[in-house]
Protein backbone atom coordinates (compact mmCIF):
# COMPACT_ATOMS: atom_id res chain seq x y z
CA MET A 1 0.00 0.00 0.00
CA LYS A 2 1.54 3.32 -1.08
CA LEU A 3 1.33 6.21 1.32
CA LYS A 4 2.83 9.65 1.01
CA PRO A 5 5.81 9.80 3.43
CA GLN A 6 5.43 12.39 6.17
CA THR A 7 8.43 13.76 8.11
CA ASP A 8 9.84 11.04 10.40
CA SER A 9 7.49 8.46 8.88
CA ASP A 10 9.45 8.39 5.60
CA ASP A 11 12.12 5.82 6.50
CA ARG A 12 9.61 3.66 8.37
CA LEU A 13 7.31 3.42 5.37
CA THR A 14 10.26 2.60 3.12
CA PHE A 15 11.31 -0.20 5.45
CA LEU A 16 7.78 -1.64 5.46
CA GLU A 17 7.79 -1.66 1.66
CA GLN A 18 11.04 -3.63 1.77
CA LEU A 19 9.50 -6.15 4.16
CA GLU A 20 6.44 -6.44 1.93
CA ARG A 21 8.61 -7.27 -1.09
CA VAL A 22 10.48 -9.94 0.88
CA LEU A 23 7.27 -11.57 2.10
CA ARG A 24 5.56 -11.46 -1.29
CA ALA A 25 8.54 -13.10 -2.98
CA GLU A 26 8.55 -15.97 -0.49
CA ILE A 27 4.83 -16.75 -0.32
CA ARG A 28 3.52 -15.79 -3.76
CA ASP A 29 2.65 -19.44 -4.50
CA GLU A 30 0.52 -19.70 -1.35
CA MET A 31 -1.20 -16.34 -1.11
CA ARG A 32 -1.50 -12.74 -2.25
CA ILE A 33 -0.76 -10.27 0.52
CA SER A 34 -0.20 -6.62 1.40
CA LEU A 35 1.73 -5.30 4.39
CA VAL A 36 -0.24 -2.25 5.45
CA PRO A 37 0.98 0.32 8.00
CA TYR A 38 -1.34 1.79 10.61
CA GLY A 39 -1.15 4.11 13.58
CA SER A 40 1.18 7.09 13.93
CA VAL A 41 3.28 6.17 10.89
CA VAL A 42 0.19 6.71 8.71
CA TYR A 43 -0.82 10.12 10.02
CA GLY A 44 2.72 11.37 10.54
CA ALA A 45 2.69 11.65 14.34
CA THR A 46 5.91 9.69 14.76
CA THR A 47 8.85 10.44 17.03
CA SER A 48 12.41 9.14 17.05
CA LYS A 49 11.29 6.49 19.56
CA SER A 50 8.25 5.32 17.60
CA ASP A 51 7.86 1.67 16.67
CA VAL A 52 6.22 0.72 13.39
CA ASP A 53 2.82 -0.96 13.40
CA ALA A 54 1.58 -2.91 10.40
CA THR A 55 -0.85 -5.66 9.54
CA ILE A 56 -0.50 -8.27 6.85
CA LEU A 57 -3.69 -8.54 4.82
CA VAL A 58 -4.31 -11.72 2.84
CA HIS A 59 -6.35 -11.07 -0.29
CA LYS A 60 -6.29 -14.62 -1.63
CA ALA A 61 -4.85 -17.83 -0.19
CA SER A 62 -4.54 -21.54 -0.94
CA ASP A 63 -5.88 -22.28 2.55
CA ASP A 64 -8.60 -20.46 4.49
CA LYS A 65 -6.53 -20.72 7.68
CA PHE A 66 -4.53 -17.72 6.46
CA LEU A 67 -7.59 -15.49 6.07
CA SER A 68 -8.82 -15.09 9.63
CA ALA A 69 -8.16 -12.12 11.90
CA GLY A 70 -5.15 -12.88 14.10
CA SER A 71 -4.30 -15.99 12.03
CA ILE A 72 -1.56 -17.87 13.89
CA PRO A 73 -0.56 -19.97 10.83
CA LEU A 74 -0.06 -16.72 8.92
CA LEU A 75 2.04 -15.15 11.69
CA ASP A 76 4.09 -18.34 12.02
CA THR A 77 4.79 -18.22 8.29
CA VAL A 78 5.82 -14.56 8.43
CA GLY A 79 8.02 -15.20 11.48
CA LYS A 80 9.78 -18.11 9.81
CA ILE A 81 10.51 -16.16 6.62
CA LEU A 82 11.91 -13.12 8.41
CA THR A 83 13.99 -15.26 10.78
CA GLU A 84 15.53 -17.02 7.78
CA LYS A 85 16.41 -13.58 6.42
CA GLY A 86 18.49 -12.95 9.53
CA MET A 87 16.08 -10.79 11.48
CA ASN A 88 15.50 -11.03 15.24
CA VAL A 89 11.87 -12.13 15.33
CA GLN A 90 9.41 -13.37 17.94
CA VAL A 91 5.84 -14.57 17.42
CA PHE A 92 3.50 -13.72 20.30
CA LYS A 93 0.52 -16.06 20.10
CA GLU A 94 -0.95 -16.07 23.61
CA THR A 95 -2.07 -12.45 23.60
CA ALA A 96 -5.33 -10.63 22.88
CA HIS A 97 -3.87 -9.54 19.57
CA PRO A 98 -1.23 -12.01 18.30
CA ILE A 99 1.71 -10.36 16.52
CA VAL A 100 5.08 -10.91 14.95
CA LYS A 101 7.57 -8.62 16.69
CA ILE A 102 10.72 -7.63 14.79
CA GLN A 103 13.46 -6.27 17.02
CA LYS A 104 15.55 -3.31 15.89
CA HIS A 105 19.04 -4.58 15.10
CA GLY A 106 21.61 -2.81 12.97
CA VAL A 107 21.18 -1.84 9.32
CA LEU A 108 19.06 -4.90 8.46
CA THR A 109 16.22 -3.90 10.81
CA PRO A 110 16.48 -0.17 11.64
CA PHE A 111 13.13 -0.08 13.49
CA HIS A 112 11.06 -2.16 15.89
CA VAL A 113 8.08 -3.49 13.96
CA ASP A 114 4.89 -5.18 15.17
CA ILE A 115 2.93 -7.12 12.54
CA SER A 116 -0.62 -8.35 13.14
CA ALA A 117 -2.73 -10.55 10.86
CA ASN A 118 -5.73 -9.41 8.81
CA ASN A 119 -6.53 -6.52 11.14
CA TYR A 120 -8.72 -4.46 8.83
CA ASP A 121 -10.14 -2.50 11.76
CA VAL A 122 -6.90 -0.67 12.60
CA VAL A 123 -6.36 0.22 8.95
CA HIS A 124 -9.85 1.72 8.85
CA LYS A 125 -9.25 3.71 12.04
CA SER A 126 -5.88 5.07 10.93
CA LYS A 127 -7.39 6.44 7.73
CA LYS A 128 -10.17 8.10 9.72
CA VAL A 129 -7.71 9.68 12.15
CA LEU A 130 -5.59 10.98 9.26
CA VAL A 131 -8.61 12.58 7.60
CA VAL A 132 -9.69 14.39 10.78
CA LEU A 133 -6.19 15.55 11.73
CA ASN A 134 -5.66 16.94 8.24
CA LYS A 135 -9.08 18.62 8.27
CA HIS A 136 -8.24 20.51 11.46
CA LYS A 137 -4.53 20.97 10.65
CA GLY A 138 -3.71 19.03 13.79
CA ILE A 139 -0.73 16.86 12.77
CA ASP A 140 1.84 19.07 14.55
CA ILE A 141 -0.24 19.20 17.74
CA ALA A 142 -0.77 15.42 17.64
CA THR A 143 2.95 14.81 17.13
CA TYR A 144 3.84 17.11 20.04
CA LEU A 145 1.40 15.30 22.32
CA LYS A 146 2.68 11.86 21.25
CA LYS A 147 6.26 12.87 22.08
CA TRP A 148 5.21 14.46 25.38
CA THR A 149 3.32 11.35 26.53
CA ILE A 150 6.31 9.13 25.73
CA ASP A 151 8.85 11.45 27.37
CA ASN A 152 6.70 11.63 30.52
CA GLY A 153 5.97 7.91 30.73
CA VAL A 154 2.21 8.25 30.38
CA ASN A 155 1.78 6.38 27.11
CA GLY A 156 1.11 2.66 26.77
CA ARG A 157 -1.41 0.14 27.98
CA TRP A 158 1.41 -2.00 29.30
CA ARG A 159 2.00 0.81 31.84
CA GLY A 160 -1.70 1.00 32.65
CA MET A 161 -1.79 4.30 30.78
CA LEU A 162 -3.69 5.46 27.72
CA SER A 163 -2.61 3.97 24.42
CA SER A 164 -1.22 6.17 21.63
CA TYR A 165 -4.49 5.69 19.80
CA ALA A 166 -6.49 6.91 22.80
CA TRP A 167 -4.29 10.01 23.00
CA MET A 168 -5.05 10.66 19.32
CA LEU A 169 -8.78 10.31 20.05
CA LEU A 170 -8.47 12.91 22.80
CA THR A 171 -6.55 15.22 20.45
CA ILE A 172 -9.38 14.90 17.94
CA GLU A 173 -11.95 15.67 20.66
CA TYR A 174 -10.05 18.89 21.37
CA LEU A 175 -9.68 19.87 17.70
CA GLU A 176 -13.38 19.30 17.04
CA SER A 177 -14.37 21.26 20.17
CA VAL A 178 -12.36 24.26 18.95
CA SER A 179 -13.89 24.06 15.48
CA LYS A 180 -17.39 24.26 16.98
CA ARG A 181 -16.74 27.52 18.83
CA PRO A 182 -18.27 30.64 17.25
CA THR A 183 -14.86 32.37 17.14
CA ASP A 184 -11.77 32.42 14.95
CA LYS A 185 -9.69 30.88 17.71
CA LYS A 186 -7.28 28.25 16.39
CA PRO A 187 -6.10 25.06 18.12
CA THR A 188 -2.92 25.47 20.16
CA ILE A 189 -0.74 23.16 22.21
CA ASP A 190 -1.51 25.13 25.38
CA GLY A 191 -5.20 24.93 24.54
CA LEU A 192 -4.89 21.16 24.12
CA PHE A 193 -3.33 20.74 27.56
CA GLU A 194 -5.97 22.97 29.14
CA PHE A 195 -8.60 20.73 27.54
CA LEU A 196 -6.82 17.57 28.72
CA SER A 197 -6.58 18.77 32.32
CA LYS A 198 -10.38 19.05 32.41
CA ARG A 199 -11.20 16.03 30.25
CA LEU A 200 -8.95 13.64 32.18
CA ALA A 201 -10.45 14.74 35.49
CA GLN A 202 -13.72 13.03 34.55
CA ASN A 203 -14.40 9.98 36.70
CA PRO A 204 -14.39 7.32 35.46
CA LEU A 205 -12.16 8.31 32.57
CA ILE A 206 -13.42 6.69 29.38
CA VAL A 207 -12.14 7.45 25.89
CA PRO A 208 -14.78 6.19 23.45
CA ASP A 209 -13.60 4.92 20.10
CA LYS A 210 -15.53 6.95 17.55
CA PHE A 211 -13.91 5.14 14.62
CA THR A 212 -14.81 1.55 15.47
CA SER A 213 -15.72 -0.44 12.38
CA GLU A 214 -18.45 -3.02 12.65
CA LYS A 215 -17.07 -4.84 9.60
CA GLU A 216 -14.21 -6.41 11.53
CA LYS A 217 -15.49 -8.83 14.16
CA GLY A 218 -12.11 -10.27 15.14
CA PHE A 219 -10.99 -7.27 17.16
CA PRO A 220 -12.90 -5.50 19.96
CA ASN A 221 -13.57 -1.82 20.43
CA CYS A 222 -10.32 -0.14 21.47
CA ALA A 223 -11.82 2.41 23.85
CA ASP A 224 -9.57 2.94 26.87
CA GLN A 225 -10.51 3.14 30.51
CA ILE A 226 -7.70 3.56 33.03
CA LYS A 227 -7.51 3.51 36.81
CA GLU A 228 -7.69 6.52 39.08
CA ALA A 229 -4.04 6.22 40.16
CA GLN A 230 -2.84 6.43 36.57
CA VAL A 231 -5.14 9.37 35.90
CA LYS A 232 -3.60 11.21 38.83
CA THR A 233 -0.12 10.53 37.44
CA ILE A 234 -1.10 11.96 34.06
CA LEU A 235 -2.75 15.03 35.61
CA LYS A 236 0.34 15.64 37.73
CA SER A 237 2.51 15.60 34.60
CA ILE A 238 0.13 17.99 32.83
CA THR A 239 0.12 20.37 35.80
CA SER A 240 3.92 20.31 35.87
CA ARG A 241 4.08 21.01 32.15
CA ASN A 242 1.58 23.89 32.38
CA THR A 243 3.41 25.42 35.35
CA LYS A 244 6.74 25.37 33.50
CA THR A 245 5.12 26.90 30.41
CA THR A 246 3.54 29.69 32.45
CA GLN A 247 6.83 30.39 34.25
CA THR A 248 8.73 30.56 30.95
CA GLN A 249 6.21 33.05 29.56
CA PHE A 250 6.47 35.12 32.77
CA ASP A 251 10.29 35.17 32.62
CA ARG A 252 10.17 36.58 29.12
């Protein structure tokens, strides 16, 4: 799938195209596939620390076992091929969303890559996010927030925090709220953090997934709900950030 490279996403998209060519060459007798990126690499909100997320979509196969969402036979096949090419690969099967994880290692694999199987839902969502961010000219704000959440350790479900996707949903909430105001006021980073300090104080904190596709039954709604302790940690980081920003403006 061809996408227009955006800023730091350029090299990541190029690497995915290389992986796609490798996989197609090895399994062309068994199936027709595409390796499709999703997430921040699609809408350009990548940072130097960003992994690459992609899903392998099977358009036609000799065996139906390769066609299902989260297909383990498909992921096993992908893992075997990439391992034989000298890459450091692990296949995670006993998870909610099975993936092939490629570890960053030298020139051969310049980025960490997670590959899921037949996950049409995330492709759908990434396109929707890109459309809305472009509509509201919010790519720069989204990228700033992504970097801030990573730098402050408040990004990632594995930490009990909001996922990157949930942070993008909150950014979109803010952008759309500004667009509805009867003024010419434009979205700003400070405005986003003011919005977040109020939005995240809601109890319980729920981030609904407005882009959920009903076409893909293999993956659940990705709305996030996090615990009060984690919310307090995030709000503390936001307060610290806002205080520093105010102090810097005062010193000027």
